[in-house]
Amino acid sequence: MAFQPLGKRVLIERVEEATTTASGIIIPDNAKEKPLNGKVIAVSKEVEEISVGDTVVFGKYAGSELSLDGKEYLVMEDKDILGVLR
């Protein structure tokens, strides 16, 4: 299923963080926070500064969760994106 964001919105897939610490301690799923960065999957035609494939950082409560084909995504406005990781 294809999803095309409207307005100044982007579709983001969260990047999963490591399940162990640097010292080797395993972090259980219920103790992990949701990652605050992700990969841009789709961009509306009105967004100019962000491209598909970029890894972006966003605020903790930014965006709306969306499930497509069994995968979890975030849809958010471009103004909620704090920056692009290069």
N, C-alpha and C. Protein backbone atom coordinates (compact mmCIF):
# COMPACT_ATOMS: atom_id res chain seq x y z
N MET A 1 0.84 -1.17 0.00
CA MET A 1 0.00 0.00 0.00
C MET A 1 0.89 1.24 0.00
N ALA A 2 0.61 2.16 -0.87
CA ALA A 2 1.38 3.40 -0.95
C ALA A 2 0.68 4.49 -0.16
N PHE A 3 1.46 5.34 0.51
CA PHE A 3 0.93 6.44 1.29
C PHE A 3 1.61 7.72 0.85
N GLN A 4 0.83 8.71 0.44
CA GLN A 4 1.36 10.00 0.03
C GLN A 4 0.90 11.05 1.05
N PRO A 5 1.83 11.60 1.85
CA PRO A 5 1.44 12.64 2.81
C PRO A 5 0.93 13.89 2.10
N LEU A 6 -0.02 14.56 2.73
CA LEU A 6 -0.57 15.79 2.18
C LEU A 6 -0.11 16.98 3.03
N GLY A 7 -0.29 18.18 2.51
CA GLY A 7 0.15 19.37 3.23
C GLY A 7 1.67 19.37 3.35
N LYS A 8 2.16 19.82 4.50
CA LYS A 8 3.61 19.83 4.74
C LYS A 8 3.94 18.70 5.72
N ARG A 9 3.65 17.47 5.32
CA ARG A 9 3.85 16.31 6.19
C ARG A 9 4.81 15.31 5.58
N VAL A 10 5.39 14.50 6.47
CA VAL A 10 6.29 13.42 6.04
C VAL A 10 5.87 12.13 6.75
N LEU A 11 6.19 11.00 6.14
CA LEU A 11 5.97 9.68 6.71
C LEU A 11 7.31 9.16 7.18
N ILE A 12 7.39 8.76 8.46
CA ILE A 12 8.66 8.36 9.06
C ILE A 12 8.54 6.98 9.67
N GLU A 13 9.56 6.16 9.46
CA GLU A 13 9.68 4.86 10.13
C GLU A 13 10.72 5.02 11.22
N ARG A 14 10.33 4.73 12.46
CA ARG A 14 11.27 4.87 13.57
C ARG A 14 12.47 3.93 13.39
N VAL A 15 13.64 4.41 13.79
CA VAL A 15 14.85 3.60 13.76
C VAL A 15 14.96 2.93 15.13
N GLU A 16 14.98 1.61 15.13
CA GLU A 16 15.06 0.87 16.39
C GLU A 16 16.44 1.05 17.02
N GLU A 17 16.44 1.27 18.33
CA GLU A 17 17.70 1.44 19.04
C GLU A 17 18.19 0.09 19.55
N ALA A 18 19.45 0.05 19.96
CA ALA A 18 20.06 -1.18 20.44
C ALA A 18 19.34 -1.71 21.67
N THR A 19 19.33 -3.04 21.83
CA THR A 19 18.65 -3.66 22.97
C THR A 19 19.61 -3.95 24.11
N THR A 20 20.89 -3.59 23.93
CA THR A 20 21.86 -3.76 25.02
C THR A 20 22.64 -2.46 25.20
N THR A 21 23.12 -2.25 26.41
CA THR A 21 23.94 -1.07 26.68
C THR A 21 25.37 -1.35 26.25
N ALA A 22 26.23 -0.35 26.31
CA ALA A 22 27.63 -0.50 25.93
C ALA A 22 28.33 -1.52 26.81
N SER A 23 27.88 -1.67 28.05
CA SER A 23 28.50 -2.62 28.97
C SER A 23 27.90 -4.02 28.87
N GLY A 24 26.91 -4.21 27.96
CA GLY A 24 26.37 -5.54 27.72
C GLY A 24 25.09 -5.85 28.47
N ILE A 25 24.53 -4.88 29.18
CA ILE A 25 23.27 -5.11 29.90
C ILE A 25 22.12 -5.10 28.90
N ILE A 26 21.27 -6.11 28.97
CA ILE A 26 20.13 -6.21 28.06
C ILE A 26 18.99 -5.36 28.60
N ILE A 27 18.42 -4.53 27.74
CA ILE A 27 17.32 -3.65 28.11
C ILE A 27 16.02 -4.34 27.70
N PRO A 28 15.11 -4.64 28.66
CA PRO A 28 13.85 -5.28 28.29
C PRO A 28 12.96 -4.33 27.49
N ASP A 29 12.08 -4.90 26.65
CA ASP A 29 11.22 -4.10 25.79
C ASP A 29 10.37 -3.10 26.57
N ASN A 30 9.88 -3.49 27.75
CA ASN A 30 9.00 -2.59 28.49
C ASN A 30 9.75 -1.43 29.15
N ALA A 31 11.07 -1.46 29.18
CA ALA A 31 11.87 -0.38 29.77
C ALA A 31 12.43 0.57 28.72
N LYS A 32 12.30 0.20 27.45
CA LYS A 32 12.85 1.04 26.38
C LYS A 32 11.88 2.16 26.04
N GLU A 33 12.42 3.33 25.75
CA GLU A 33 11.61 4.43 25.24
C GLU A 33 11.60 4.35 23.73
N LYS A 34 10.56 4.89 23.12
CA LYS A 34 10.50 4.91 21.67
C LYS A 34 11.59 5.82 21.14
N PRO A 35 12.26 5.43 20.07
CA PRO A 35 13.33 6.26 19.51
C PRO A 35 12.81 7.60 19.01
N LEU A 36 13.67 8.60 19.08
CA LEU A 36 13.31 9.95 18.65
C LEU A 36 13.94 10.30 17.31
N ASN A 37 14.28 9.26 16.55
CA ASN A 37 14.77 9.50 15.20
C ASN A 37 14.21 8.41 14.28
N GLY A 38 14.23 8.70 13.00
CA GLY A 38 13.68 7.75 12.05
C GLY A 38 14.07 8.08 10.63
N LYS A 39 13.71 7.16 9.75
CA LYS A 39 14.02 7.30 8.33
C LYS A 39 12.78 7.80 7.60
N VAL A 40 12.96 8.79 6.75
CA VAL A 40 11.86 9.36 5.99
C VAL A 40 11.50 8.40 4.85
N ILE A 41 10.22 7.99 4.82
CA ILE A 41 9.74 7.03 3.83
C ILE A 41 9.02 7.74 2.68
N ALA A 42 8.27 8.80 3.00
CA ALA A 42 7.54 9.55 1.97
C ALA A 42 7.46 11.02 2.40
N VAL A 43 7.43 11.91 1.40
CA VAL A 43 7.40 13.35 1.64
C VAL A 43 6.34 13.96 0.73
N SER A 44 5.55 14.90 1.28
CA SER A 44 4.58 15.58 0.42
C SER A 44 5.31 16.51 -0.55
N LYS A 45 4.60 16.93 -1.57
CA LYS A 45 5.19 17.80 -2.59
C LYS A 45 5.52 19.19 -2.05
N GLU A 46 4.92 19.59 -0.93
CA GLU A 46 5.13 20.92 -0.37
C GLU A 46 6.37 21.02 0.51
N VAL A 47 6.97 19.88 0.88
CA VAL A 47 8.15 19.88 1.76
C VAL A 47 9.39 19.97 0.89
N GLU A 48 10.27 20.94 1.20
CA GLU A 48 11.45 21.18 0.37
C GLU A 48 12.76 20.78 1.02
N GLU A 49 12.86 20.87 2.34
CA GLU A 49 14.15 20.68 3.02
C GLU A 49 14.45 19.23 3.37
N ILE A 50 13.47 18.35 3.28
CA ILE A 50 13.62 16.95 3.70
C ILE A 50 13.35 16.06 2.50
N SER A 51 14.17 14.99 2.36
CA SER A 51 14.02 14.08 1.23
C SER A 51 13.80 12.65 1.73
N VAL A 52 13.22 11.84 0.87
CA VAL A 52 13.06 10.41 1.18
C VAL A 52 14.44 9.81 1.41
N GLY A 53 14.59 9.03 2.46
CA GLY A 53 15.86 8.41 2.78
C GLY A 53 16.64 9.13 3.87
N ASP A 54 16.29 10.40 4.15
CA ASP A 54 16.96 11.14 5.22
C ASP A 54 16.64 10.50 6.57
N THR A 55 17.59 10.58 7.49
CA THR A 55 17.36 10.19 8.88
C THR A 55 17.16 11.48 9.66
N VAL A 56 16.01 11.59 10.32
CA VAL A 56 15.65 12.83 11.00
C VAL A 56 15.46 12.61 12.50
N VAL A 57 15.55 13.70 13.25
CA VAL A 57 15.32 13.71 14.68
C VAL A 57 14.06 14.54 14.93
N PHE A 58 13.20 14.04 15.82
CA PHE A 58 11.95 14.74 16.09
C PHE A 58 11.65 14.72 17.59
N GLY A 59 10.70 15.53 18.00
CA GLY A 59 10.32 15.65 19.40
C GLY A 59 9.62 14.40 19.92
N LYS A 60 9.63 14.24 21.24
CA LYS A 60 9.08 13.05 21.89
C LYS A 60 7.60 12.83 21.59
N TYR A 61 6.84 13.89 21.51
CA TYR A 61 5.40 13.76 21.31
C TYR A 61 4.95 14.20 19.92
N ALA A 62 5.86 14.26 18.98
CA ALA A 62 5.54 14.72 17.63
C ALA A 62 4.87 13.62 16.81
N GLY A 63 4.00 14.02 15.93
CA GLY A 63 3.42 13.11 14.95
C GLY A 63 2.27 12.27 15.45
N SER A 64 1.65 11.60 14.49
CA SER A 64 0.55 10.67 14.74
C SER A 64 0.97 9.29 14.27
N GLU A 65 0.71 8.28 15.09
CA GLU A 65 1.09 6.92 14.73
C GLU A 65 0.13 6.37 13.69
N LEU A 66 0.70 5.58 12.78
CA LEU A 66 -0.06 5.01 11.67
C LEU A 66 0.47 3.61 11.40
N SER A 67 -0.42 2.67 11.16
CA SER A 67 -0.02 1.30 10.85
C SER A 67 -0.38 1.01 9.40
N LEU A 68 0.63 0.62 8.61
CA LEU A 68 0.44 0.26 7.21
C LEU A 68 1.10 -1.07 6.95
N ASP A 69 0.36 -2.02 6.43
CA ASP A 69 0.90 -3.34 6.09
C ASP A 69 1.64 -3.98 7.26
N GLY A 70 1.13 -3.79 8.47
CA GLY A 70 1.72 -4.40 9.66
C GLY A 70 2.94 -3.69 10.21
N LYS A 71 3.32 -2.56 9.65
CA LYS A 71 4.47 -1.79 10.15
C LYS A 71 3.97 -0.48 10.76
N GLU A 72 4.68 -0.02 11.78
CA GLU A 72 4.31 1.21 12.46
C GLU A 72 5.10 2.40 11.89
N TYR A 73 4.40 3.49 11.63
CA TYR A 73 5.00 4.70 11.09
C TYR A 73 4.50 5.91 11.88
N LEU A 74 5.13 7.04 11.64
CA LEU A 74 4.68 8.33 12.17
C LEU A 74 4.42 9.25 10.99
N VAL A 75 3.33 10.01 11.07
CA VAL A 75 3.06 11.06 10.10
C VAL A 75 3.16 12.36 10.88
N MET A 76 4.01 13.27 10.42
CA MET A 76 4.17 14.54 11.14
C MET A 76 4.43 15.68 10.17
N GLU A 77 4.16 16.88 10.66
CA GLU A 77 4.44 18.07 9.86
C GLU A 77 5.94 18.33 9.86
N ASP A 78 6.42 18.94 8.81
CA ASP A 78 7.85 19.20 8.69
C ASP A 78 8.36 20.09 9.81
N LYS A 79 7.52 20.97 10.35
CA LYS A 79 7.95 21.85 11.43
C LYS A 79 8.24 21.11 12.74
N ASP A 80 7.73 19.86 12.87
CA ASP A 80 7.98 19.06 14.07
C ASP A 80 9.31 18.32 14.01
N ILE A 81 9.97 18.36 12.85
CA ILE A 81 11.26 17.71 12.68
C ILE A 81 12.35 18.69 13.14
N LEU A 82 13.19 18.23 14.07
CA LEU A 82 14.21 19.11 14.65
C LEU A 82 15.45 19.23 13.78
N GLY A 83 15.76 18.19 13.02
CA GLY A 83 16.95 18.25 12.18
C GLY A 83 17.17 16.96 11.42
N VAL A 84 18.12 16.99 10.51
CA VAL A 84 18.49 15.84 9.68
C VAL A 84 19.87 15.36 10.12
N LEU A 85 20.02 14.06 10.34
CA LEU A 85 21.32 13.47 10.69
C LEU A 85 22.08 13.19 9.39
N ARG A 86 23.30 13.66 9.30
CA ARG A 86 24.12 13.45 8.10
C ARG A 86 25.30 12.58 8.41
